């Protein structure tokens, strides 16, 4: 019986803590909702440099090349996630790194992606150094099985002037109503310092994430 099935999947969502008891948002399909909730996690591996450059492709490695540094105690106070302890930092020629998410390998089967087309939320965090200007860039693409782009998020590069506040900034985007056929997600970010100083004075990046809906309380 359909009503019993709806009740069953809703009860499973409650039991797993995916929704509160007073949840009043409309849900089109509780079974799909349950699976999306149970799969929901950051699909990018090693987003905070805890494992060096494991899982990342270093596409462009200019200047003194990519490096991993520790967040200082002061920076840790400012950063909104106290679990983040490291970041990746760029140099005086362009540094770009990327990761490809294989949706099927992560548990998102083809029919789920093509029929439900759940929201895909992308987030990244970047900061300049206070003593040097820098330019940060990000590109995220939804790809077909043949790696043809089906959706792109590529904001204008963010230039941060020398002697700026050096605060961590978040950039985010949600892909909705994209075409069917998405099988991979390609995420690339990086940048360069704008003064060509030897060392690592370009933008710092960390805590990158790709999550697939629904938005949970």
N, C-alpha and C. Protein backbone atom coordinates (compact mmCIF):
# COMPACT_ATOMS: atom_id res chain seq x y z
N UNK A 1 0.85 -1.19 0.00
CA UNK A 1 0.00 0.00 0.00
C UNK A 1 0.89 1.25 0.00
N UNK A 2 0.55 2.18 -0.92
CA UNK A 2 1.40 3.36 -1.14
C UNK A 2 1.56 4.21 0.12
N UNK A 3 0.45 4.43 0.84
CA UNK A 3 0.50 5.28 2.05
C UNK A 3 1.42 4.64 3.09
N UNK A 4 1.33 3.32 3.22
CA UNK A 4 2.20 2.61 4.16
C UNK A 4 3.67 2.77 3.79
N UNK A 5 3.95 2.73 2.46
CA UNK A 5 5.33 2.89 2.00
C UNK A 5 5.85 4.29 2.31
N UNK A 6 5.01 5.29 2.05
CA UNK A 6 5.39 6.68 2.37
C UNK A 6 5.71 6.79 3.86
N UNK A 7 4.83 6.23 4.69
CA UNK A 7 5.03 6.27 6.14
C UNK A 7 6.33 5.57 6.52
N UNK A 8 6.59 4.43 5.87
CA UNK A 8 7.81 3.65 6.16
C UNK A 8 9.07 4.47 5.90
N UNK A 9 9.15 5.09 4.72
CA UNK A 9 10.36 5.84 4.36
C UNK A 9 10.48 7.12 5.17
N UNK A 10 9.35 7.73 5.48
CA UNK A 10 9.38 8.93 6.33
C UNK A 10 9.88 8.56 7.73
N UNK A 11 9.38 7.41 8.23
CA UNK A 11 9.79 6.96 9.56
C UNK A 11 11.30 6.64 9.59
N UNK A 12 11.80 6.06 8.49
CA UNK A 12 13.24 5.77 8.40
C UNK A 12 14.06 7.07 8.44
N UNK A 13 13.55 8.10 7.77
CA UNK A 13 14.23 9.41 7.78
C UNK A 13 14.27 9.99 9.19
N UNK A 14 13.16 9.85 9.91
CA UNK A 14 13.09 10.33 11.30
C UNK A 14 14.05 9.55 12.20
N UNK A 15 14.03 8.23 12.02
CA UNK A 15 14.85 7.37 12.89
C UNK A 15 16.35 7.64 12.69
N UNK A 16 16.74 7.92 11.45
CA UNK A 16 18.16 8.18 11.16
C UNK A 16 18.55 9.61 11.51
N UNK A 17 17.56 10.42 11.91
CA UNK A 17 17.87 11.81 12.28
C UNK A 17 18.04 12.74 11.10
N UNK A 18 17.55 12.33 9.90
CA UNK A 18 17.66 13.19 8.72
C UNK A 18 16.72 14.39 8.81
N UNK A 19 15.59 14.20 9.47
CA UNK A 19 14.60 15.29 9.61
C UNK A 19 14.13 15.35 11.07
N UNK A 20 13.72 16.55 11.53
CA UNK A 20 13.16 16.65 12.88
C UNK A 20 11.69 16.19 12.89
N UNK A 21 11.14 15.97 14.07
CA UNK A 21 9.74 15.51 14.19
C UNK A 21 8.75 16.50 13.59
N UNK A 22 9.09 17.80 13.69
CA UNK A 22 8.15 18.83 13.19
C UNK A 22 8.43 19.23 11.74
N UNK A 23 9.12 18.38 11.00
CA UNK A 23 9.44 18.65 9.58
C UNK A 23 8.16 18.89 8.79
N UNK A 24 8.08 20.05 8.10
CA UNK A 24 6.85 20.37 7.36
C UNK A 24 7.12 20.72 5.89
N UNK A 25 8.33 20.42 5.41
CA UNK A 25 8.63 20.70 4.00
C UNK A 25 8.03 19.61 3.12
N UNK A 26 7.51 19.99 1.94
CA UNK A 26 6.96 18.95 1.05
C UNK A 26 8.07 18.07 0.48
N UNK A 27 7.82 16.77 0.40
CA UNK A 27 8.79 15.82 -0.16
C UNK A 27 8.09 15.04 -1.26
N UNK A 28 8.63 15.11 -2.49
CA UNK A 28 7.97 14.47 -3.64
C UNK A 28 8.04 12.94 -3.54
N UNK A 29 9.17 12.42 -3.08
CA UNK A 29 9.35 10.97 -3.01
C UNK A 29 10.20 10.65 -1.79
N UNK A 30 9.58 10.09 -0.76
CA UNK A 30 10.28 9.86 0.51
C UNK A 30 11.39 8.82 0.38
N UNK A 31 11.21 7.85 -0.51
CA UNK A 31 12.25 6.83 -0.71
C UNK A 31 13.51 7.47 -1.30
N UNK A 32 13.33 8.27 -2.35
CA UNK A 32 14.46 8.98 -2.97
C UNK A 32 15.09 9.94 -1.96
N UNK A 33 14.24 10.64 -1.22
CA UNK A 33 14.71 11.58 -0.20
C UNK A 33 15.60 10.85 0.82
N UNK A 34 15.16 9.66 1.23
CA UNK A 34 15.94 8.87 2.20
C UNK A 34 17.31 8.51 1.63
N UNK A 35 17.34 8.03 0.39
CA UNK A 35 18.63 7.64 -0.20
C UNK A 35 19.55 8.84 -0.38
N UNK A 36 18.99 9.97 -0.80
CA UNK A 36 19.81 11.17 -0.96
C UNK A 36 20.38 11.62 0.38
N UNK A 37 19.56 11.54 1.43
CA UNK A 37 20.05 11.91 2.77
C UNK A 37 21.16 10.97 3.23
N UNK A 38 20.96 9.68 2.99
CA UNK A 38 21.95 8.70 3.47
C UNK A 38 23.26 8.78 2.68
N UNK A 39 23.19 9.25 1.44
CA UNK A 39 24.40 9.39 0.62
C UNK A 39 25.11 10.72 0.84
N UNK A 40 24.41 11.68 1.42
CA UNK A 40 24.91 13.06 1.47
C UNK A 40 26.20 13.17 2.29
N UNK A 41 27.23 13.68 1.64
CA UNK A 41 28.54 13.90 2.28
C UNK A 41 29.37 14.72 1.30
N UNK A 42 30.53 15.15 1.72
CA UNK A 42 31.42 15.85 0.81
C UNK A 42 32.04 14.84 -0.16
N UNK A 43 31.81 15.05 -1.46
CA UNK A 43 32.30 14.12 -2.47
C UNK A 43 33.74 14.41 -2.89
N UNK A 44 34.29 15.53 -2.45
CA UNK A 44 35.71 15.80 -2.70
C UNK A 44 36.54 15.12 -1.62
N UNK A 45 37.56 14.43 -2.03
CA UNK A 45 38.45 13.76 -1.08
C UNK A 45 39.62 14.68 -0.72
N UNK A 46 40.05 14.62 0.53
CA UNK A 46 41.18 15.42 1.01
C UNK A 46 40.99 16.92 0.71
N UNK A 47 39.87 17.51 1.13
CA UNK A 47 39.61 18.93 0.81
C UNK A 47 40.45 19.90 1.62
N UNK A 48 41.01 19.46 2.74
CA UNK A 48 41.70 20.37 3.66
C UNK A 48 43.19 20.04 3.81
N UNK A 49 43.75 19.36 2.81
CA UNK A 49 45.20 19.13 2.73
C UNK A 49 45.75 18.23 3.84
N UNK A 50 44.88 17.51 4.54
CA UNK A 50 45.36 16.62 5.61
C UNK A 50 46.23 15.48 5.07
N UNK A 51 46.01 15.13 3.80
CA UNK A 51 46.79 14.04 3.19
C UNK A 51 47.69 14.58 2.08
N UNK A 52 48.23 15.78 2.28
CA UNK A 52 49.07 16.38 1.25
C UNK A 52 48.26 16.64 -0.01
N UNK A 53 48.76 16.13 -1.16
CA UNK A 53 48.05 16.34 -2.43
C UNK A 53 47.35 15.07 -2.91
N UNK A 54 47.18 14.10 -2.00
CA UNK A 54 46.46 12.87 -2.34
C UNK A 54 45.09 13.20 -2.93
N UNK A 55 44.70 12.52 -4.00
CA UNK A 55 43.42 12.65 -4.72
C UNK A 55 43.36 13.87 -5.64
N UNK A 56 44.33 14.78 -5.59
CA UNK A 56 44.30 15.97 -6.44
C UNK A 56 45.25 15.80 -7.63
N UNK A 57 44.83 16.31 -8.81
CA UNK A 57 45.72 16.42 -9.96
C UNK A 57 46.30 17.82 -9.97
N UNK A 58 47.62 17.94 -9.99
CA UNK A 58 48.26 19.26 -10.05
C UNK A 58 48.38 19.64 -11.52
N UNK A 59 47.37 20.34 -12.03
CA UNK A 59 47.27 20.62 -13.47
C UNK A 59 48.29 21.66 -13.92
N UNK A 60 48.46 22.70 -13.13
CA UNK A 60 49.45 23.75 -13.40
C UNK A 60 50.20 23.97 -12.10
N UNK A 61 51.52 23.89 -12.14
CA UNK A 61 52.31 23.90 -10.91
C UNK A 61 53.45 24.90 -11.06
N UNK A 62 53.08 26.18 -11.24
CA UNK A 62 54.06 27.21 -11.58
C UNK A 62 54.79 27.78 -10.38
N UNK A 63 55.78 28.63 -10.69
CA UNK A 63 56.55 29.31 -9.63
C UNK A 63 57.26 28.31 -8.74
N UNK A 64 57.11 28.48 -7.44
CA UNK A 64 57.68 27.52 -6.48
C UNK A 64 56.72 26.37 -6.19
N UNK A 65 55.69 26.26 -7.00
CA UNK A 65 54.73 25.14 -6.98
C UNK A 65 53.80 25.17 -5.76
N UNK A 66 52.77 24.33 -5.87
CA UNK A 66 51.80 24.19 -4.78
C UNK A 66 52.50 23.77 -3.49
N UNK A 67 51.94 24.21 -2.36
CA UNK A 67 52.49 23.82 -1.06
C UNK A 67 51.34 23.68 -0.07
N UNK A 68 51.53 22.87 0.97
CA UNK A 68 50.56 22.74 2.06
C UNK A 68 51.14 23.46 3.28
N UNK A 69 50.30 24.28 3.94
CA UNK A 69 50.72 24.98 5.16
C UNK A 69 49.67 24.77 6.25
N UNK A 70 50.09 24.98 7.50
CA UNK A 70 49.17 24.90 8.64
C UNK A 70 48.49 26.24 8.86
N UNK A 71 47.20 26.20 9.20
CA UNK A 71 46.52 27.41 9.67
C UNK A 71 47.13 27.80 11.01
N UNK A 72 47.48 29.07 11.16
CA UNK A 72 48.01 29.53 12.44
C UNK A 72 46.90 29.51 13.49
N UNK A 73 47.28 29.60 14.74
CA UNK A 73 46.27 29.61 15.81
C UNK A 73 45.31 30.77 15.61
N UNK A 74 45.84 31.91 15.18
CA UNK A 74 45.00 33.10 14.95
C UNK A 74 44.02 32.84 13.81
N UNK A 75 44.51 32.26 12.72
CA UNK A 75 43.64 31.95 11.57
C UNK A 75 42.58 30.92 11.95
N UNK A 76 42.95 29.96 12.81
CA UNK A 76 41.99 28.93 13.22
C UNK A 76 40.81 29.56 13.97
N UNK A 77 41.10 30.61 14.72
CA UNK A 77 40.02 31.31 15.45
C UNK A 77 39.04 31.94 14.46
N UNK A 78 39.58 32.47 13.36
CA UNK A 78 38.76 33.18 12.38
C UNK A 78 37.99 32.23 11.46
N UNK A 79 38.57 31.05 11.21
CA UNK A 79 37.95 30.16 10.23
C UNK A 79 36.68 29.55 10.82
N UNK A 80 35.57 29.52 10.06
CA UNK A 80 34.28 29.09 10.61
C UNK A 80 34.19 27.61 10.97
N UNK A 81 35.10 26.80 10.48
CA UNK A 81 35.08 25.36 10.78
C UNK A 81 36.33 25.01 11.57
N UNK A 82 36.16 24.67 12.84
CA UNK A 82 37.34 24.44 13.69
C UNK A 82 38.02 23.10 13.42
N UNK A 83 37.45 22.29 12.51
CA UNK A 83 38.10 21.04 12.11
C UNK A 83 39.20 21.28 11.07
N UNK A 84 39.17 22.45 10.43
CA UNK A 84 40.14 22.74 9.36
C UNK A 84 41.45 23.22 9.98
N UNK A 85 42.54 22.53 9.66
CA UNK A 85 43.84 22.86 10.26
C UNK A 85 44.93 23.16 9.23
N UNK A 86 44.65 22.88 7.96
CA UNK A 86 45.65 23.10 6.92
C UNK A 86 45.01 23.73 5.68
N UNK A 87 45.84 24.24 4.79
CA UNK A 87 45.35 24.77 3.51
C UNK A 87 46.41 24.54 2.44
N UNK A 88 45.99 24.65 1.19
CA UNK A 88 46.89 24.62 0.04
C UNK A 88 47.22 26.07 -0.32
N UNK A 89 48.46 26.33 -0.74
CA UNK A 89 48.82 27.71 -1.10
C UNK A 89 49.55 27.73 -2.44
N UNK A 90 49.31 28.80 -3.20
CA UNK A 90 49.84 28.95 -4.56
C UNK A 90 51.05 29.88 -4.56
N UNK A 91 51.66 30.01 -5.76
CA UNK A 91 52.94 30.71 -5.86
C UNK A 91 52.87 31.87 -6.87
N UNK A 92 54.06 32.26 -7.41
CA UNK A 92 54.13 33.48 -8.22
C UNK A 92 53.84 33.25 -9.70
N UNK A 93 53.75 32.00 -10.16
CA UNK A 93 53.15 31.69 -11.45
C UNK A 93 51.93 30.82 -11.16
N UNK A 94 51.02 30.78 -12.11
CA UNK A 94 49.72 30.12 -11.87
C UNK A 94 49.86 28.69 -11.34
N UNK A 95 49.06 28.39 -10.32
CA UNK A 95 48.94 27.04 -9.76
C UNK A 95 47.46 26.65 -9.82
N UNK A 96 47.16 25.53 -10.46
CA UNK A 96 45.79 25.02 -10.53
C UNK A 96 45.79 23.53 -10.20
N UNK A 97 44.81 23.09 -9.41
CA UNK A 97 44.67 21.67 -9.12
C UNK A 97 43.21 21.27 -9.27
N UNK A 98 42.98 20.00 -9.55
CA UNK A 98 41.61 19.56 -9.84
C UNK A 98 41.35 18.17 -9.29
N UNK A 99 40.06 17.85 -9.26
CA UNK A 99 39.61 16.52 -8.84
C UNK A 99 38.34 16.20 -9.63
N UNK A 100 38.21 14.95 -10.05
CA UNK A 100 37.01 14.50 -10.76
C UNK A 100 36.23 13.55 -9.85
N UNK A 101 34.95 13.86 -9.65
CA UNK A 101 34.07 13.00 -8.85
C UNK A 101 33.32 12.07 -9.80
N UNK A 102 33.47 10.78 -9.60
CA UNK A 102 32.74 9.76 -10.36
C UNK A 102 31.46 9.45 -9.57
N UNK A 103 30.33 9.94 -10.06
CA UNK A 103 29.08 9.85 -9.29
C UNK A 103 28.64 8.41 -9.04
N UNK A 104 28.78 7.56 -10.04
CA UNK A 104 28.37 6.16 -9.87
C UNK A 104 29.23 5.48 -8.79
N UNK A 105 30.52 5.76 -8.82
CA UNK A 105 31.43 5.17 -7.82
C UNK A 105 31.10 5.67 -6.41
N UNK A 106 30.50 6.86 -6.32
CA UNK A 106 30.14 7.44 -5.02
C UNK A 106 28.74 7.04 -4.57
N UNK A 107 28.06 6.19 -5.38
CA UNK A 107 26.75 5.67 -4.97
C UNK A 107 25.55 6.31 -5.65
N UNK A 108 25.79 7.28 -6.55
CA UNK A 108 24.67 7.97 -7.21
C UNK A 108 24.42 7.31 -8.57
N UNK A 109 23.44 6.40 -8.59
CA UNK A 109 23.18 5.65 -9.81
C UNK A 109 22.54 6.53 -10.88
N UNK A 110 22.61 6.06 -12.14
CA UNK A 110 22.24 6.88 -13.30
C UNK A 110 20.80 7.35 -13.26
N UNK A 111 19.87 6.44 -12.94
CA UNK A 111 18.45 6.81 -12.92
C UNK A 111 18.17 7.89 -11.87
N UNK A 112 18.84 7.78 -10.73
CA UNK A 112 18.67 8.80 -9.68
C UNK A 112 19.07 10.18 -10.19
N UNK A 113 20.24 10.25 -10.85
CA UNK A 113 20.73 11.54 -11.35
C UNK A 113 19.87 12.07 -12.49
N UNK A 114 19.37 11.16 -13.35
CA UNK A 114 18.64 11.60 -14.55
C UNK A 114 17.18 11.93 -14.26
N UNK A 115 16.56 11.20 -13.33
CA UNK A 115 15.13 11.40 -13.05
C UNK A 115 14.93 12.45 -11.97
N UNK A 116 15.65 12.32 -10.88
CA UNK A 116 15.47 13.25 -9.75
C UNK A 116 16.23 14.55 -9.96
N UNK A 117 17.40 14.44 -10.58
CA UNK A 117 18.30 15.59 -10.77
C UNK A 117 18.42 16.44 -9.50
N UNK A 118 18.94 15.84 -8.44
CA UNK A 118 19.05 16.58 -7.17
C UNK A 118 20.01 17.75 -7.28
N UNK A 119 19.79 18.76 -6.44
CA UNK A 119 20.68 19.92 -6.43
C UNK A 119 22.11 19.48 -6.12
N UNK A 120 23.06 20.10 -6.80
CA UNK A 120 24.49 19.85 -6.56
C UNK A 120 25.09 21.16 -6.05
N UNK A 121 25.54 21.14 -4.80
CA UNK A 121 26.05 22.37 -4.17
C UNK A 121 27.58 22.32 -4.09
N UNK A 122 28.19 23.39 -4.58
CA UNK A 122 29.65 23.51 -4.59
C UNK A 122 30.06 24.66 -3.68
N UNK A 123 31.08 24.43 -2.85
CA UNK A 123 31.60 25.50 -1.99
C UNK A 123 33.12 25.46 -2.00
N UNK A 124 33.72 26.63 -1.86
CA UNK A 124 35.17 26.70 -1.72
C UNK A 124 35.51 27.88 -0.82
N UNK A 125 36.65 27.81 -0.17
CA UNK A 125 37.13 28.89 0.70
C UNK A 125 38.51 29.33 0.23
N UNK A 126 38.70 30.65 0.17
CA UNK A 126 40.01 31.16 -0.25
C UNK A 126 40.35 32.42 0.55
N UNK A 127 41.64 32.72 0.61
CA UNK A 127 42.11 33.92 1.31
C UNK A 127 43.42 34.37 0.69
N UNK A 128 43.64 35.68 0.72
CA UNK A 128 44.93 36.23 0.31
C UNK A 128 45.84 36.31 1.54
N UNK A 129 47.10 36.64 1.30
CA UNK A 129 47.98 36.98 2.41
C UNK A 129 47.89 38.48 2.61
N UNK A 130 48.05 38.97 3.84
CA UNK A 130 47.88 40.41 4.07
C UNK A 130 48.94 41.26 3.38
N UNK A 131 50.11 40.67 3.09
CA UNK A 131 51.22 41.47 2.56
C UNK A 131 51.35 41.39 1.04
N UNK A 132 50.49 40.63 0.35
CA UNK A 132 50.66 40.46 -1.10
C UNK A 132 49.31 40.30 -1.78
N UNK A 133 49.15 40.96 -2.92
CA UNK A 133 47.93 40.81 -3.70
C UNK A 133 47.89 39.45 -4.38
N UNK A 134 46.69 38.99 -4.71
CA UNK A 134 46.58 37.68 -5.37
C UNK A 134 45.31 37.58 -6.19
N UNK A 135 45.30 36.57 -7.07
CA UNK A 135 44.13 36.32 -7.92
C UNK A 135 43.72 34.86 -7.76
N UNK A 136 42.45 34.65 -7.39
CA UNK A 136 41.90 33.31 -7.16
C UNK A 136 40.93 32.95 -8.28
N UNK A 137 40.92 31.69 -8.70
CA UNK A 137 39.96 31.26 -9.72
C UNK A 137 39.39 29.88 -9.41
N UNK A 138 38.17 29.66 -9.93
CA UNK A 138 37.45 28.41 -9.70
C UNK A 138 36.66 28.06 -10.95
N UNK A 139 36.65 26.78 -11.29
CA UNK A 139 35.78 26.29 -12.38
C UNK A 139 35.25 24.92 -11.98
N UNK A 140 33.93 24.76 -12.07
CA UNK A 140 33.29 23.47 -11.78
C UNK A 140 32.41 23.11 -12.97
N UNK A 141 32.54 21.88 -13.45
CA UNK A 141 31.73 21.43 -14.59
C UNK A 141 31.04 20.11 -14.28
N UNK A 142 29.78 20.03 -14.71
CA UNK A 142 29.05 18.76 -14.71
C UNK A 142 29.33 18.09 -16.04
N UNK A 143 29.77 16.82 -16.02
CA UNK A 143 30.21 16.16 -17.24
C UNK A 143 29.37 14.92 -17.54
N UNK A 144 29.21 14.64 -18.83
CA UNK A 144 28.53 13.42 -19.29
C UNK A 144 29.48 12.23 -19.20
N UNK A 145 29.00 11.05 -19.59
CA UNK A 145 29.86 9.85 -19.57
C UNK A 145 31.04 10.01 -20.53
N UNK A 146 30.86 10.84 -21.58
CA UNK A 146 31.96 11.12 -22.52
C UNK A 146 32.77 12.35 -22.11
N UNK A 147 32.52 12.84 -20.90
CA UNK A 147 33.20 14.01 -20.33
C UNK A 147 32.89 15.31 -21.09
N UNK A 148 31.71 15.35 -21.73
CA UNK A 148 31.25 16.60 -22.34
C UNK A 148 30.57 17.44 -21.27
N UNK A 149 30.83 18.78 -21.23
CA UNK A 149 30.22 19.62 -20.19
C UNK A 149 28.71 19.77 -20.37
N UNK A 150 27.96 19.56 -19.28
CA UNK A 150 26.50 19.73 -19.28
C UNK A 150 26.09 20.90 -18.38
N UNK A 151 27.04 21.50 -17.71
CA UNK A 151 26.79 22.65 -16.84
C UNK A 151 28.12 23.16 -16.34
N UNK A 152 28.27 24.49 -16.27
CA UNK A 152 29.54 25.08 -15.84
C UNK A 152 29.30 26.22 -14.87
N UNK A 153 30.09 26.26 -13.81
CA UNK A 153 30.15 27.42 -12.91
C UNK A 153 31.58 27.92 -12.93
N UNK A 154 31.77 29.12 -13.47
CA UNK A 154 33.11 29.70 -13.56
C UNK A 154 33.01 31.21 -13.30
N UNK A 155 33.01 31.60 -12.03
CA UNK A 155 32.93 33.03 -11.73
C UNK A 155 34.18 33.76 -12.21
N UNK A 156 34.07 35.07 -12.38
CA UNK A 156 35.25 35.86 -12.74
C UNK A 156 36.32 35.68 -11.68
N UNK A 157 37.59 35.61 -12.07
CA UNK A 157 38.65 35.50 -11.06
C UNK A 157 38.54 36.63 -10.04
N UNK A 158 38.79 36.30 -8.78
CA UNK A 158 38.71 37.29 -7.70
C UNK A 158 40.11 37.84 -7.43
N UNK A 159 40.29 39.13 -7.67
CA UNK A 159 41.58 39.78 -7.39
C UNK A 159 41.50 40.48 -6.04
N UNK A 160 42.45 40.16 -5.18
CA UNK A 160 42.50 40.76 -3.84
C UNK A 160 43.75 41.62 -3.76
N UNK A 161 43.56 42.87 -3.40
CA UNK A 161 44.67 43.82 -3.40
C UNK A 161 45.64 43.56 -2.25
N UNK A 162 46.86 44.05 -2.45
CA UNK A 162 47.86 44.00 -1.37
C UNK A 162 47.34 44.77 -0.16
N UNK A 163 47.72 44.33 1.03
CA UNK A 163 47.30 44.96 2.30
C UNK A 163 45.78 44.90 2.48
N UNK A 164 45.17 43.83 1.97
CA UNK A 164 43.73 43.64 2.22
C UNK A 164 43.56 43.03 3.61
N UNK A 165 42.31 42.75 3.98
CA UNK A 165 42.07 42.19 5.32
C UNK A 165 42.51 40.72 5.43
N UNK A 166 42.78 40.06 4.29
CA UNK A 166 43.23 38.65 4.26
C UNK A 166 42.23 37.70 4.91
N UNK A 167 40.96 38.10 4.98
CA UNK A 167 39.95 37.22 5.58
C UNK A 167 39.62 36.07 4.63
N UNK A 168 39.18 34.96 5.23
CA UNK A 168 38.72 33.83 4.42
C UNK A 168 37.35 34.16 3.83
N UNK A 169 37.21 33.89 2.54
CA UNK A 169 35.96 34.16 1.84
C UNK A 169 35.41 32.84 1.29
N UNK A 170 34.08 32.74 1.32
CA UNK A 170 33.44 31.55 0.77
C UNK A 170 32.82 31.87 -0.58
N UNK A 171 32.99 30.98 -1.53
CA UNK A 171 32.28 31.08 -2.80
C UNK A 171 31.42 29.82 -2.92
N UNK A 172 30.16 29.99 -3.35
CA UNK A 172 29.28 28.82 -3.44
C UNK A 172 28.36 28.93 -4.65
N UNK A 173 27.90 27.79 -5.11
CA UNK A 173 26.99 27.74 -6.25
C UNK A 173 26.18 26.45 -6.17
N UNK A 174 24.91 26.53 -6.55
CA UNK A 174 24.07 25.33 -6.60
C UNK A 174 23.62 25.08 -8.04
N UNK A 175 23.93 23.91 -8.56
CA UNK A 175 23.42 23.48 -9.87
C UNK A 175 22.03 22.88 -9.67
N UNK A 176 21.03 23.43 -10.37
CA UNK A 176 19.66 22.90 -10.33
C UNK A 176 19.15 22.76 -11.76
N UNK A 177 18.19 21.87 -11.96
CA UNK A 177 17.53 21.71 -13.27
C UNK A 177 18.53 21.55 -14.41
N UNK A 178 19.60 20.84 -14.16
CA UNK A 178 20.60 20.59 -15.21
C UNK A 178 20.09 19.45 -16.11
N UNK A 179 20.67 19.29 -17.30
CA UNK A 179 20.18 18.23 -18.19
C UNK A 179 20.48 16.84 -17.64
N UNK A 180 19.71 15.82 -18.05
CA UNK A 180 20.05 14.45 -17.65
C UNK A 180 21.38 14.04 -18.28
N UNK A 181 22.00 13.03 -17.69
CA UNK A 181 23.25 12.52 -18.27
C UNK A 181 24.50 12.87 -17.49
N UNK A 182 24.36 13.56 -16.36
CA UNK A 182 25.54 13.94 -15.56
C UNK A 182 26.11 12.68 -14.90
N UNK A 183 27.39 12.41 -15.16
CA UNK A 183 28.06 11.22 -14.60
C UNK A 183 29.30 11.58 -13.78
N UNK A 184 29.86 12.75 -14.05
CA UNK A 184 31.07 13.18 -13.33
C UNK A 184 30.95 14.66 -12.98
N UNK A 185 31.70 15.08 -11.97
CA UNK A 185 31.81 16.50 -11.64
C UNK A 185 33.30 16.83 -11.58
N UNK A 186 33.70 17.83 -12.34
CA UNK A 186 35.11 18.27 -12.38
C UNK A 186 35.24 19.58 -11.62
N UNK A 187 36.15 19.60 -10.66
CA UNK A 187 36.35 20.76 -9.78
C UNK A 187 37.80 21.19 -9.92
N UNK A 188 38.02 22.46 -10.30
CA UNK A 188 39.39 22.98 -10.41
C UNK A 188 39.48 24.36 -9.78
N UNK A 189 40.52 24.59 -8.99
CA UNK A 189 40.72 25.91 -8.38
C UNK A 189 42.21 26.19 -8.23
N UNK A 190 42.50 27.45 -7.88
CA UNK A 190 43.89 27.85 -7.69
C UNK A 190 44.05 29.34 -7.90
N UNK A 191 45.24 29.74 -8.36
CA UNK A 191 45.48 31.16 -8.56
C UNK A 191 46.96 31.49 -8.61
N UNK A 192 47.24 32.76 -8.34
CA UNK A 192 48.61 33.25 -8.47
C UNK A 192 48.75 34.52 -7.63
N UNK A 193 49.97 34.79 -7.13
CA UNK A 193 50.14 36.10 -6.49
C UNK A 193 50.36 37.15 -7.58
N UNK A 194 50.03 38.37 -7.31
CA UNK A 194 50.08 39.41 -8.35
C UNK A 194 51.35 40.26 -8.28
N UNK A 195 52.31 39.86 -7.44
CA UNK A 195 53.57 40.62 -7.31
C UNK A 195 54.78 39.82 -7.74
N UNK A 196 54.57 38.55 -8.13
CA UNK A 196 55.66 37.68 -8.59
C UNK A 196 56.77 37.57 -7.55
N UNK A 197 56.38 37.39 -6.29
CA UNK A 197 57.35 37.20 -5.22
C UNK A 197 57.70 35.72 -5.12
N UNK A 198 58.99 35.43 -4.99
CA UNK A 198 59.41 34.03 -4.78
C UNK A 198 58.77 33.51 -3.49
N UNK A 199 58.42 32.23 -3.50
CA UNK A 199 57.77 31.65 -2.32
C UNK A 199 56.30 31.40 -2.57
N UNK A 200 55.50 31.52 -1.50
CA UNK A 200 54.08 31.14 -1.56
C UNK A 200 53.22 32.28 -1.05
N UNK A 201 53.00 33.25 -1.94
CA UNK A 201 52.24 34.45 -1.57
C UNK A 201 50.91 34.55 -2.32
N UNK A 202 50.57 33.51 -3.09
CA UNK A 202 49.30 33.51 -3.82
C UNK A 202 48.14 33.13 -2.92
N UNK A 203 46.93 33.00 -3.50
CA UNK A 203 45.77 32.67 -2.68
C UNK A 203 45.90 31.30 -2.01
N UNK A 204 45.32 31.21 -0.83
CA UNK A 204 45.25 29.96 -0.07
C UNK A 204 43.84 29.39 -0.24
N UNK A 205 43.74 28.08 -0.36
CA UNK A 205 42.42 27.45 -0.53
C UNK A 205 42.30 26.25 0.40
N UNK A 206 41.08 26.01 0.89
CA UNK A 206 40.83 24.84 1.74
C UNK A 206 39.32 24.62 1.91
N UNK A 207 38.96 23.52 2.55
CA UNK A 207 37.56 23.24 2.92
C UNK A 207 36.62 23.24 1.72
N UNK A 208 37.13 22.82 0.57
CA UNK A 208 36.30 22.74 -0.64
C UNK A 208 35.28 21.60 -0.48
N UNK A 209 34.11 21.76 -1.10
CA UNK A 209 33.12 20.68 -0.98
C UNK A 209 32.18 20.62 -2.18
N UNK A 210 31.75 19.40 -2.47
CA UNK A 210 30.65 19.15 -3.41
C UNK A 210 29.68 18.23 -2.68
N UNK A 211 28.45 18.70 -2.49
CA UNK A 211 27.42 17.86 -1.86
C UNK A 211 26.19 17.82 -2.75
N UNK A 212 25.49 16.71 -2.70
CA UNK A 212 24.28 16.54 -3.51
C UNK A 212 23.08 16.52 -2.58
N UNK A 213 22.05 17.35 -2.91
CA UNK A 213 20.87 17.61 -2.09
C UNK A 213 20.26 16.38 -1.45
N UNK A 214 19.24 16.54 -0.62
CA UNK A 214 18.55 17.80 -0.29
C UNK A 214 19.25 18.57 0.82
N UNK A 215 18.89 19.86 0.93
CA UNK A 215 19.39 20.66 2.05
C UNK A 215 18.72 20.16 3.32
N UNK A 216 19.50 19.87 4.32
CA UNK A 216 18.97 19.32 5.57
C UNK A 216 19.05 20.34 6.69
N UNK A 217 18.18 20.21 7.70
CA UNK A 217 18.21 21.17 8.80
C UNK A 217 19.48 21.02 9.63
